[in-house]
Amino acid sequence: MSAARLAWGEGGSCALSGELSVESVPGLWARGDELWRRGPELVLDLSGVRRSDSAGLALLAEWTRQARQHGLSLHYRGMPEQMRALARVSGLERLLPLETNNCGE
């Protein structure tokens, strides 16, 4: 298993990578506070997520809720197809602030 990782890059960019699972999500859950200190708008790159289960989607849903509570804009970019399919089946795809690619996916 690849440990999940939240990393900050240049210009306030942020990336989530590894596996989002029941084992890794608790360590990330509390780190949501770091997101809200970065400014009024944040794009979180998910392209490095190798696999996710429902715990990973719960994390994104919670971070979305917290961003709204703080009056901040949060968008998810590069959600892998496996994770997007899980979001679609669970009904979360329409609730999560997903950026679309040029093909409208």
PDB file of N, CA and C in Angstrom:
ATOM      1  N   MET A   1       0.824  -1.173   0.000  1.00  0.00           N
ATOM      2  CA  MET A   1       0.000   0.000   0.000  1.00  0.00           C
ATOM      3  C   MET A   1       0.873   1.242   0.000  1.00  0.00           C
ATOM      4  N   SER A   2       0.464   2.233  -0.783  1.00  0.00           N
ATOM      5  CA  SER A   2       1.160   3.503  -0.858  1.00  0.00           C
ATOM      6  C   SER A   2       0.498   4.481   0.108  1.00  0.00           C
ATOM      7  N   ALA A   3       1.264   5.001   1.034  1.00  0.00           N
ATOM      8  CA  ALA A   3       0.714   5.928   2.016  1.00  0.00           C
ATOM      9  C   ALA A   3       0.186   7.176   1.322  1.00  0.00           C
ATOM     10  N   ALA A   4      -0.889   7.711   1.824  1.00  0.00           N
ATOM     11  CA  ALA A   4      -1.459   8.942   1.284  1.00  0.00           C
ATOM     12  C   ALA A   4      -0.611  10.120   1.743  1.00  0.00           C
ATOM     13  N   ARG A   5      -0.538  11.124   0.879  1.00  0.00           N
ATOM     14  CA  ARG A   5       0.319  12.260   1.168  1.00  0.00           C
ATOM     15  C   ARG A   5      -0.318  13.545   0.665  1.00  0.00           C
ATOM     16  N   LEU A   6      -0.285  14.571   1.478  1.00  0.00           N
ATOM     17  CA  LEU A   6      -0.738  15.904   1.113  1.00  0.00           C
ATOM     18  C   LEU A   6       0.512  16.769   1.030  1.00  0.00           C
ATOM     19  N   ALA A   7       0.773  17.331  -0.149  1.00  0.00           N
ATOM     20  CA  ALA A   7       2.007  18.094  -0.347  1.00  0.00           C
ATOM     21  C   ALA A   7       1.704  19.459  -0.953  1.00  0.00           C
ATOM     22  N   TRP A   8       2.416  20.454  -0.461  1.00  0.00           N
ATOM     23  CA  TRP A   8       2.268  21.819  -0.970  1.00  0.00           C
ATOM     24  C   TRP A   8       3.374  22.108  -1.957  1.00  0.00           C
ATOM     25  N   GLY A   9       3.011  22.740  -3.056  1.00  0.00           N
ATOM     26  CA  GLY A   9       3.982  23.101  -4.085  1.00  0.00           C
ATOM     27  C   GLY A   9       4.109  24.602  -4.209  1.00  0.00           C
ATOM     28  N   GLU A  10       4.658  25.008  -5.330  1.00  0.00           N
ATOM     29  CA  GLU A  10       4.864  26.429  -5.622  1.00  0.00           C
ATOM     30  C   GLU A  10       3.526  27.158  -5.742  1.00  0.00           C
ATOM     31  N   GLY A  11       3.496  28.388  -5.308  1.00  0.00           N
ATOM     32  CA  GLY A  11       2.333  29.244  -5.492  1.00  0.00           C
ATOM     33  C   GLY A  11       1.072  28.773  -4.800  1.00  0.00           C
ATOM     34  N   GLY A  12       1.198  28.027  -3.727  1.00  0.00           N
ATOM     35  CA  GLY A  12       0.026  27.589  -2.994  1.00  0.00           C
ATOM     36  C   GLY A  12      -0.690  26.396  -3.580  1.00  0.00           C
ATOM     37  N   SER A  13      -0.082  25.761  -4.573  1.00  0.00           N
ATOM     38  CA  SER A  13      -0.717  24.566  -5.129  1.00  0.00           C
ATOM     39  C   SER A  13      -0.611  23.415  -4.130  1.00  0.00           C
ATOM     40  N   CYS A  14      -1.538  22.495  -4.237  1.00  0.00           N
ATOM     41  CA  CYS A  14      -1.579  21.380  -3.308  1.00  0.00           C
ATOM     42  C   CYS A  14      -1.906  20.105  -4.073  1.00  0.00           C
ATOM     43  N   ALA A  15      -1.279  19.000  -3.661  1.00  0.00           N
ATOM     44  CA  ALA A  15      -1.521  17.714  -4.327  1.00  0.00           C
ATOM     45  C   ALA A  15      -1.731  16.631  -3.281  1.00  0.00           C
ATOM     46  N   LEU A  16      -2.680  15.770  -3.575  1.00  0.00           N
ATOM     47  CA  LEU A  16      -2.958  14.608  -2.753  1.00  0.00           C
ATOM     48  C   LEU A  16      -2.551  13.397  -3.563  1.00  0.00           C
ATOM     49  N   SER A  17      -1.767  12.493  -2.955  1.00  0.00           N
ATOM     50  CA  SER A  17      -1.282  11.338  -3.703  1.00  0.00           C
ATOM     51  C   SER A  17      -1.298  10.086  -2.831  1.00  0.00           C
ATOM     52  N   GLY A  18      -1.095   8.941  -3.480  1.00  0.00           N
ATOM     53  CA  GLY A  18      -1.067   7.666  -2.779  1.00  0.00           C
ATOM     54  C   GLY A  18      -2.423   6.991  -2.806  1.00  0.00           C
ATOM     55  N   GLU A  19      -2.696   6.200  -1.773  1.00  0.00           N
ATOM     56  CA  GLU A  19      -3.959   5.481  -1.667  1.00  0.00           C
ATOM     57  C   GLU A  19      -4.814   6.087  -0.568  1.00  0.00           C
ATOM     58  N   LEU A  20      -6.046   6.408  -0.922  1.00  0.00           N
ATOM     59  CA  LEU A  20      -6.989   6.942   0.049  1.00  0.00           C
ATOM     60  C   LEU A  20      -7.874   5.790   0.495  1.00  0.00           C
ATOM     61  N   SER A  21      -7.661   5.363   1.712  1.00  0.00           N
ATOM     62  CA  SER A  21      -8.370   4.190   2.213  1.00  0.00           C
ATOM     63  C   SER A  21      -8.714   4.385   3.689  1.00  0.00           C
ATOM     64  N   VAL A  22      -9.417   3.405   4.228  1.00  0.00           N
ATOM     65  CA  VAL A  22      -9.777   3.420   5.644  1.00  0.00           C
ATOM     66  C   VAL A  22      -8.522   3.557   6.507  1.00  0.00           C
ATOM     67  N   GLU A  23      -7.411   3.023   6.049  1.00  0.00           N
ATOM     68  CA  GLU A  23      -6.171   3.094   6.823  1.00  0.00           C
ATOM     69  C   GLU A  23      -5.485   4.454   6.726  1.00  0.00           C
ATOM     70  N   SER A  24      -5.546   5.103   5.568  1.00  0.00           N
ATOM     71  CA  SER A  24      -4.784   6.337   5.383  1.00  0.00           C
ATOM     72  C   SER A  24      -5.573   7.619   5.633  1.00  0.00           C
ATOM     73  N   VAL A  25      -6.889   7.577   5.476  1.00  0.00           N
ATOM     74  CA  VAL A  25      -7.699   8.789   5.581  1.00  0.00           C
ATOM     75  C   VAL A  25      -7.676   9.422   6.974  1.00  0.00           C
ATOM     76  N   PRO A  26      -7.714   8.657   8.065  1.00  0.00           N
ATOM     77  CA  PRO A  26      -7.696   9.326   9.380  1.00  0.00           C
ATOM     78  C   PRO A  26      -6.507  10.275   9.571  1.00  0.00           C
ATOM     79  N   GLY A  27      -5.357   9.930   9.033  1.00  0.00           N
ATOM     80  CA  GLY A  27      -4.195  10.801   9.142  1.00  0.00           C
ATOM     81  C   GLY A  27      -4.344  12.095   8.358  1.00  0.00           C
ATOM     82  N   LEU A  28      -5.159  12.064   7.301  1.00  0.00           N
ATOM     83  CA  LEU A  28      -5.383  13.249   6.473  1.00  0.00           C
ATOM     84  C   LEU A  28      -6.547  14.099   6.971  1.00  0.00           C
ATOM     85  N   TRP A  29      -7.496  13.460   7.631  1.00  0.00           N
ATOM     86  CA  TRP A  29      -8.742  14.126   8.022  1.00  0.00           C
ATOM     87  C   TRP A  29      -8.478  15.429   8.773  1.00  0.00           C
ATOM     88  N   ALA A  30      -7.652  15.369   9.787  1.00  0.00           N
ATOM     89  CA  ALA A  30      -7.380  16.546  10.618  1.00  0.00           C
ATOM     90  C   ALA A  30      -6.536  17.591   9.905  1.00  0.00           C
ATOM     91  N   ARG A  31      -5.878  17.211   8.819  1.00  0.00           N
ATOM     92  CA  ARG A  31      -5.028  18.166   8.109  1.00  0.00           C
ATOM     93  C   ARG A  31      -5.839  19.145   7.266  1.00  0.00           C
ATOM     94  N   GLY A  32      -7.149  18.992   7.258  1.00  0.00           N
ATOM     95  CA  GLY A  32      -7.993  19.929   6.528  1.00  0.00           C
ATOM     96  C   GLY A  32      -7.768  21.363   6.972  1.00  0.00           C
ATOM     97  N   ASP A  33      -7.437  21.566   8.238  1.00  0.00           N
ATOM     98  CA  ASP A  33      -7.170  22.925   8.733  1.00  0.00           C
ATOM     99  C   ASP A  33      -6.051  23.605   7.960  1.00  0.00           C
ATOM    100  N   GLU A  34      -5.081  22.827   7.482  1.00  0.00           N
ATOM    101  CA  GLU A  34      -3.980  23.401   6.688  1.00  0.00           C
ATOM    102  C   GLU A  34      -4.512  24.006   5.392  1.00  0.00           C
ATOM    103  N   LEU A  35      -5.552  23.414   4.839  1.00  0.00           N
ATOM    104  CA  LEU A  35      -6.108  23.883   3.575  1.00  0.00           C
ATOM    105  C   LEU A  35      -6.698  25.278   3.715  1.00  0.00           C
ATOM    106  N   TRP A  36      -7.353  25.523   4.827  1.00  0.00           N
ATOM    107  CA  TRP A  36      -8.089  26.776   4.991  1.00  0.00           C
ATOM    108  C   TRP A  36      -7.174  27.953   5.286  1.00  0.00           C
ATOM    109  N   ARG A  37      -5.950  27.692   5.655  1.00  0.00           N
ATOM    110  CA  ARG A  37      -4.990  28.776   5.927  1.00  0.00           C
ATOM    111  C   ARG A  37      -4.285  29.258   4.666  1.00  0.00           C
ATOM    112  N   ARG A  38      -4.531  28.617   3.531  1.00  0.00           N
ATOM    113  CA  ARG A  38      -3.803  28.919   2.292  1.00  0.00           C
ATOM    114  C   ARG A  38      -4.409  30.034   1.459  1.00  0.00           C
ATOM    115  N   GLY A  39      -5.592  30.469   1.813  1.00  0.00           N
ATOM    116  CA  GLY A  39      -6.189  31.555   1.049  1.00  0.00           C
ATOM    117  C   GLY A  39      -7.623  31.259   0.663  1.00  0.00           C
ATOM    118  N   PRO A  40      -8.244  32.192  -0.039  1.00  0.00           N
ATOM    119  CA  PRO A  40      -9.666  32.069  -0.330  1.00  0.00           C
ATOM    120  C   PRO A  40     -10.007  31.045  -1.416  1.00  0.00           C
ATOM    121  N   GLU A  41      -9.012  30.623  -2.198  1.00  0.00           N
ATOM    122  CA  GLU A  41      -9.279  29.674  -3.271  1.00  0.00           C
ATOM    123  C   GLU A  41      -8.177  28.620  -3.322  1.00  0.00           C
ATOM    124  N   LEU A  42      -8.589  27.370  -3.427  1.00  0.00           N
ATOM    125  CA  LEU A  42      -7.630  26.275  -3.463  1.00  0.00           C
ATOM    126  C   LEU A  42      -8.060  25.247  -4.504  1.00  0.00           C
ATOM    127  N   VAL A  43      -7.091  24.816  -5.298  1.00  0.00           N
ATOM    128  CA  VAL A  43      -7.307  23.711  -6.228  1.00  0.00           C
ATOM    129  C   VAL A  43      -6.434  22.570  -5.737  1.00  0.00           C
ATOM    130  N   LEU A  44      -7.063  21.442  -5.458  1.00  0.00           N
ATOM    131  CA  LEU A  44      -6.358  20.271  -4.958  1.00  0.00           C
ATOM    132  C   LEU A  44      -6.216  19.261  -6.083  1.00  0.00           C
ATOM    133  N   ASP A  45      -4.973  18.970  -6.464  1.00  0.00           N
ATOM    134  CA  ASP A  45      -4.680  18.036  -7.549  1.00  0.00           C
ATOM    135  C   ASP A  45      -4.755  16.604  -7.031  1.00  0.00           C
ATOM    136  N   LEU A  46      -5.616  15.801  -7.642  1.00  0.00           N
ATOM    137  CA  LEU A  46      -5.811  14.406  -7.242  1.00  0.00           C
ATOM    138  C   LEU A  46      -5.177  13.420  -8.218  1.00  0.00           C
ATOM    139  N   SER A  47      -4.460  13.916  -9.201  1.00  0.00           N
ATOM    140  CA  SER A  47      -3.934  13.029 -10.247  1.00  0.00           C
ATOM    141  C   SER A  47      -2.936  12.005  -9.714  1.00  0.00           C
ATOM    142  N   GLY A  48      -2.381  12.226  -8.534  1.00  0.00           N
ATOM    143  CA  GLY A  48      -1.442  11.280  -7.940  1.00  0.00           C
ATOM    144  C   GLY A  48      -2.097  10.222  -7.065  1.00  0.00           C
ATOM    145  N   VAL A  49      -3.426  10.250  -6.961  1.00  0.00           N
ATOM    146  CA  VAL A  49      -4.128   9.236  -6.166  1.00  0.00           C
ATOM    147  C   VAL A  49      -4.144   7.937  -6.963  1.00  0.00           C
ATOM    148  N   ARG A  50      -3.567   6.900  -6.391  1.00  0.00           N
ATOM    149  CA  ARG A  50      -3.478   5.608  -7.084  1.00  0.00           C
ATOM    150  C   ARG A  50      -4.769   4.800  -6.966  1.00  0.00           C
ATOM    151  N   ARG A  51      -5.438   4.920  -5.820  1.00  0.00           N
ATOM    152  CA  ARG A  51      -6.654   4.156  -5.568  1.00  0.00           C
ATOM    153  C   ARG A  51      -7.388   4.820  -4.417  1.00  0.00           C
ATOM    154  N   SER A  52      -8.710   4.679  -4.433  1.00  0.00           N
ATOM    155  CA  SER A  52      -9.500   5.226  -3.335  1.00  0.00           C
ATOM    156  C   SER A  52     -10.671   4.298  -3.051  1.00  0.00           C
ATOM    157  N   ASP A  53     -11.033   4.245  -1.782  1.00  0.00           N
ATOM    158  CA  ASP A  53     -12.272   3.566  -1.417  1.00  0.00           C
ATOM    159  C   ASP A  53     -13.236   4.646  -0.925  1.00  0.00           C
ATOM    160  N   SER A  54     -14.329   4.245  -0.326  1.00  0.00           N
ATOM    161  CA  SER A  54     -15.333   5.214   0.111  1.00  0.00           C
ATOM    162  C   SER A  54     -14.794   6.177   1.171  1.00  0.00           C
ATOM    163  N   ALA A  55     -13.794   5.776   1.917  1.00  0.00           N
ATOM    164  CA  ALA A  55     -13.203   6.677   2.912  1.00  0.00           C
ATOM    165  C   ALA A  55     -12.553   7.887   2.233  1.00  0.00           C
ATOM    166  N   GLY A  56     -11.939   7.669   1.085  1.00  0.00           N
ATOM    167  CA  GLY A  56     -11.336   8.769   0.333  1.00  0.00           C
ATOM    168  C   GLY A  56     -12.381   9.764  -0.134  1.00  0.00           C
ATOM    169  N   LEU A  57     -13.513   9.249  -0.608  1.00  0.00           N
ATOM    170  CA  LEU A  57     -14.598  10.137  -1.029  1.00  0.00           C
ATOM    171  C   LEU A  57     -15.196  10.866   0.165  1.00  0.00           C
ATOM    172  N   ALA A  58     -15.300  10.192   1.294  1.00  0.00           N
ATOM    173  CA  ALA A  58     -15.806  10.847   2.508  1.00  0.00           C
ATOM    174  C   ALA A  58     -14.883  12.001   2.904  1.00  0.00           C
ATOM    175  N   LEU A  59     -13.586  11.809   2.755  1.00  0.00           N
ATOM    176  CA  LEU A  59     -12.620  12.867   3.055  1.00  0.00           C
ATOM    177  C   LEU A  59     -12.864  14.077   2.167  1.00  0.00           C
ATOM    178  N   LEU A  60     -13.025  13.858   0.860  1.00  0.00           N
ATOM    179  CA  LEU A  60     -13.248  14.971  -0.060  1.00  0.00           C
ATOM    180  C   LEU A  60     -14.579  15.660   0.229  1.00  0.00           C
ATOM    181  N   ALA A  61     -15.599  14.887   0.567  1.00  0.00           N
ATOM    182  CA  ALA A  61     -16.895  15.475   0.907  1.00  0.00           C
ATOM    183  C   ALA A  61     -16.777  16.335   2.167  1.00  0.00           C
ATOM    184  N   GLU A  62     -16.045  15.856   3.153  1.00  0.00           N
ATOM    185  CA  GLU A  62     -15.856  16.621   4.391  1.00  0.00           C
ATOM    186  C   GLU A  62     -15.057  17.892   4.134  1.00  0.00           C
ATOM    187  N   TRP A  63     -13.992  17.798   3.345  1.00  0.00           N
ATOM    188  CA  TRP A  63     -13.210  18.991   3.029  1.00  0.00           C
ATOM    189  C   TRP A  63     -14.052  19.994   2.247  1.00  0.00           C
ATOM    190  N   THR A  64     -14.929  19.511   1.376  1.00  0.00           N
ATOM    191  CA  THR A  64     -15.832  20.399   0.639  1.00  0.00           C
ATOM    192  C   THR A  64     -16.761  21.117   1.611  1.00  0.00           C
ATOM    193  N   ARG A  65     -17.309  20.382   2.561  1.00  0.00           N
ATOM    194  CA  ARG A  65     -18.190  20.971   3.565  1.00  0.00           C
ATOM    195  C   ARG A  65     -17.453  22.026   4.394  1.00  0.00           C
ATOM    196  N   GLN A  66     -16.236  21.694   4.814  1.00  0.00           N
ATOM    197  CA  GLN A  66     -15.462  22.630   5.626  1.00  0.00           C
ATOM    198  C   GLN A  66     -15.106  23.892   4.837  1.00  0.00           C
ATOM    199  N   ALA A  67     -14.773  23.735   3.576  1.00  0.00           N
ATOM    200  CA  ALA A  67     -14.439  24.904   2.740  1.00  0.00           C
ATOM    201  C   ALA A  67     -15.642  25.840   2.665  1.00  0.00           C
ATOM    202  N   ARG A  68     -16.808  25.270   2.430  1.00  0.00           N
ATOM    203  CA  ARG A  68     -18.028  26.096   2.371  1.00  0.00           C
ATOM    204  C   ARG A  68     -18.283  26.783   3.711  1.00  0.00           C
ATOM    205  N   GLN A  69     -18.066  26.046   4.787  1.00  0.00           N
ATOM    206  CA  GLN A  69     -18.266  26.599   6.130  1.00  0.00           C
ATOM    207  C   GLN A  69     -17.338  27.792   6.375  1.00  0.00           C
ATOM    208  N   HIS A  70     -16.130  27.721   5.825  1.00  0.00           N
ATOM    209  CA  HIS A  70     -15.158  28.806   5.982  1.00  0.00           C
ATOM    210  C   HIS A  70     -15.318  29.886   4.904  1.00  0.00           C
ATOM    211  N   GLY A  71     -16.274  29.710   3.986  1.00  0.00           N
ATOM    212  CA  GLY A  71     -16.490  30.688   2.923  1.00  0.00           C
ATOM    213  C   GLY A  71     -15.396  30.679   1.876  1.00  0.00           C
ATOM    214  N   LEU A  72     -14.756  29.531   1.682  1.00  0.00           N
ATOM    215  CA  LEU A  72     -13.645  29.414   0.742  1.00  0.00           C
ATOM    216  C   LEU A  72     -14.050  28.605  -0.484  1.00  0.00           C
ATOM    217  N   SER A  73     -13.302  28.800  -1.545  1.00  0.00           N
ATOM    218  CA  SER A  73     -13.527  28.072  -2.789  1.00  0.00           C
ATOM    219  C   SER A  73     -12.536  26.913  -2.880  1.00  0.00           C
ATOM    220  N   LEU A  74     -13.037  25.710  -3.048  1.00  0.00           N
ATOM    221  CA  LEU A  74     -12.204  24.518  -3.171  1.00  0.00           C
ATOM    222  C   LEU A  74     -12.645  23.754  -4.404  1.00  0.00           C
ATOM    223  N   HIS A  75     -11.678  23.357  -5.239  1.00  0.00           N
ATOM    224  CA  HIS A  75     -11.948  22.565  -6.436  1.00  0.00           C
ATOM    225  C   HIS A  75     -10.979  21.407  -6.483  1.00  0.00           C
ATOM    226  N   TYR A  76     -11.462  20.277  -6.989  1.00  0.00           N
ATOM    227  CA  TYR A  76     -10.626  19.088  -7.162  1.00  0.00           C
ATOM    228  C   TYR A  76     -10.299  18.921  -8.638  1.00  0.00           C
ATOM    229  N   ARG A  77      -9.025  18.761  -8.925  1.00  0.00           N
ATOM    230  CA  ARG A  77      -8.547  18.616 -10.301  1.00  0.00           C
ATOM    231  C   ARG A  77      -7.898  17.235 -10.468  1.00  0.00           C
ATOM    232  N   GLY A  78      -8.092  16.651 -11.640  1.00  0.00           N
ATOM    233  CA  GLY A  78      -7.366  15.427 -11.992  1.00  0.00           C
ATOM    234  C   GLY A  78      -7.820  14.184 -11.251  1.00  0.00           C
ATOM    235  N   MET A  79      -9.103  14.101 -10.914  1.00  0.00           N
ATOM    236  CA  MET A  79      -9.579  12.916 -10.203  1.00  0.00           C
ATOM    237  C   MET A  79      -9.424  11.693 -11.106  1.00  0.00           C
ATOM    238  N   PRO A  80      -8.716  10.667 -10.633  1.00  0.00           N
ATOM    239  CA  PRO A  80      -8.538   9.453 -11.432  1.00  0.00           C
ATOM    240  C   PRO A  80      -9.875   8.783 -11.748  1.00  0.00           C
ATOM    241  N   GLU A  81      -9.935   8.098 -12.869  1.00  0.00           N
ATOM    242  CA  GLU A  81     -11.191   7.483 -13.317  1.00  0.00           C
ATOM    243  C   GLU A  81     -11.762   6.510 -12.296  1.00  0.00           C
ATOM    244  N   GLN A  82     -10.922   5.725 -11.627  1.00  0.00           N
ATOM    245  CA  GLN A  82     -11.421   4.772 -10.624  1.00  0.00           C
ATOM    246  C   GLN A  82     -12.155   5.509  -9.508  1.00  0.00           C
ATOM    247  N   MET A  83     -11.600   6.623  -9.079  1.00  0.00           N
ATOM    248  CA  MET A  83     -12.209   7.411  -8.014  1.00  0.00           C
ATOM    249  C   MET A  83     -13.477   8.111  -8.510  1.00  0.00           C
ATOM    250  N   ARG A  84     -13.429   8.607  -9.748  1.00  0.00           N
ATOM    251  CA  ARG A  84     -14.591   9.265 -10.343  1.00  0.00           C
ATOM    252  C   ARG A  84     -15.748   8.273 -10.494  1.00  0.00           C
ATOM    253  N   ALA A  85     -15.444   7.039 -10.882  1.00  0.00           N
ATOM    254  CA  ALA A  85     -16.490   6.014 -11.024  1.00  0.00           C
ATOM    255  C   ALA A  85     -17.143   5.728  -9.673  1.00  0.00           C
ATOM    256  N   LEU A  86     -16.342   5.658  -8.626  1.00  0.00           N
ATOM    257  CA  LEU A  86     -16.870   5.447  -7.280  1.00  0.00           C
ATOM    258  C   LEU A  86     -17.749   6.633  -6.862  1.00  0.00           C
ATOM    259  N   ALA A  87     -17.318   7.847  -7.191  1.00  0.00           N
ATOM    260  CA  ALA A  87     -18.111   9.039  -6.879  1.00  0.00           C
ATOM    261  C   ALA A  87     -19.425   9.024  -7.657  1.00  0.00           C
ATOM    262  N   ARG A  88     -19.359   8.579  -8.899  1.00  0.00           N
ATOM    263  CA  ARG A  88     -20.563   8.515  -9.735  1.00  0.00           C
ATOM    264  C   ARG A  88     -21.572   7.524  -9.152  1.00  0.00           C
ATOM    265  N   VAL A  89     -21.100   6.330  -8.806  1.00  0.00           N
ATOM    266  CA  VAL A  89     -21.972   5.284  -8.269  1.00  0.00           C
ATOM    267  C   VAL A  89     -22.576   5.702  -6.929  1.00  0.00           C
ATOM    268  N   SER A  90     -21.808   6.404  -6.121  1.00  0.00           N
ATOM    269  CA  SER A  90     -22.281   6.800  -4.789  1.00  0.00           C
ATOM    270  C   SER A  90     -23.140   8.063  -4.804  1.00  0.00           C
ATOM    271  N   GLY A  91     -23.209   8.730  -5.961  1.00  0.00           N
ATOM    272  CA  GLY A  91     -23.983   9.965  -6.050  1.00  0.00           C
ATOM    273  C   GLY A  91     -23.227  11.208  -5.610  1.00  0.00           C
ATOM    274  N   LEU A  92     -21.942  11.083  -5.324  1.00  0.00           N
ATOM    275  CA  LEU A  92     -21.161  12.243  -4.866  1.00  0.00           C
ATOM    276  C   LEU A  92     -20.569  13.060  -6.010  1.00  0.00           C
ATOM    277  N   GLU A  93     -20.535  12.509  -7.200  1.00  0.00           N
ATOM    278  CA  GLU A  93     -19.897  13.219  -8.312  1.00  0.00           C
ATOM    279  C   GLU A  93     -20.506  14.604  -8.520  1.00  0.00           C
ATOM    280  N   ARG A  94     -21.813  14.718  -8.391  1.00  0.00           N
ATOM    281  CA  ARG A  94     -22.474  16.015  -8.592  1.00  0.00           C
ATOM    282  C   ARG A  94     -22.292  16.959  -7.409  1.00  0.00           C
ATOM    283  N   LEU A  95     -21.942  16.429  -6.243  1.00  0.00           N
ATOM    284  CA  LEU A  95     -21.790  17.264  -5.060  1.00  0.00           C
ATOM    285  C   LEU A  95     -20.370  17.791  -4.864  1.00  0.00           C
ATOM    286  N   LEU A  96     -19.398  17.059  -5.389  1.00  0.00           N
ATOM    287  CA  LEU A  96     -18.000  17.473  -5.236  1.00  0.00           C
ATOM    288  C   LEU A  96     -17.654  18.521  -6.292  1.00  0.00           C
ATOM    289  N   PRO A  97     -16.888  19.541  -5.917  1.00  0.00           N
ATOM    290  CA  PRO A  97     -16.507  20.583  -6.879  1.00  0.00           C
ATOM    291  C   PRO A  97     -15.349  20.108  -7.774  1.00  0.00           C
ATOM    292  N   LEU A  98     -15.698  19.322  -8.798  1.00  0.00           N
ATOM    293  CA  LEU A  98     -14.699  18.747  -9.689  1.00  0.00           C
ATOM    294  C   LEU A  98     -14.462  19.664 -10.882  1.00  0.00           C
ATOM    295  N   GLU A  99     -13.182  19.898 -11.174  1.00  0.00           N
ATOM    296  CA  GLU A  99     -12.871  20.622 -12.402  1.00  0.00           C
ATOM    297  C   GLU A  99     -12.967  19.623 -13.542  1.00  0.00           C
ATOM    298  N   THR A 100     -13.451  20.066 -14.677  1.00  0.00           N
ATOM    299  CA  THR A 100     -13.555  19.195 -15.839  1.00  0.00           C
ATOM    300  C   THR A 100     -12.355  19.412 -16.741  1.00  0.00           C
ATOM    301  N   ASN A 101     -12.068  18.381 -17.541  1.00  0.00           N
ATOM    302  CA  ASN A 101     -10.992  18.544 -18.515  1.00  0.00           C
ATOM    303  C   ASN A 101     -11.577  19.144 -19.792  1.00  0.00           C
ATOM    304  N   ASN A 102     -10.762  19.287 -20.797  1.00  0.00           N
ATOM    305  CA  ASN A 102     -11.208  19.906 -22.048  1.00  0.00           C
ATOM    306  C   ASN A 102     -12.277  19.100 -22.767  1.00  0.00           C
ATOM    307  N   CYS A 103     -12.430  17.833 -22.452  1.00  0.00           N
ATOM    308  CA  CYS A 103     -13.422  16.983 -23.101  1.00  0.00           C
ATOM    309  C   CYS A 103     -14.755  17.035 -22.376  1.00  0.00           C
ATOM    310  N   GLY A 104     -14.829  17.785 -21.289  1.00  0.00           N
ATOM    311  CA  GLY A 104     -16.074  17.914 -20.541  1.00  0.00           C
ATOM    312  C   GLY A 104     -16.341  16.773 -19.594  1.00  0.00           C
ATOM    313  N   GLU A 105     -15.347  15.970 -19.293  1.00  0.00           N
ATOM    314  CA  GLU A 105     -15.520  14.843 -18.362  1.00  0.00           C
ATOM    315  C   GLU A 105     -15.514  15.323 -16.944  1.00  0.00           C
TER     316      GLU A 105
END
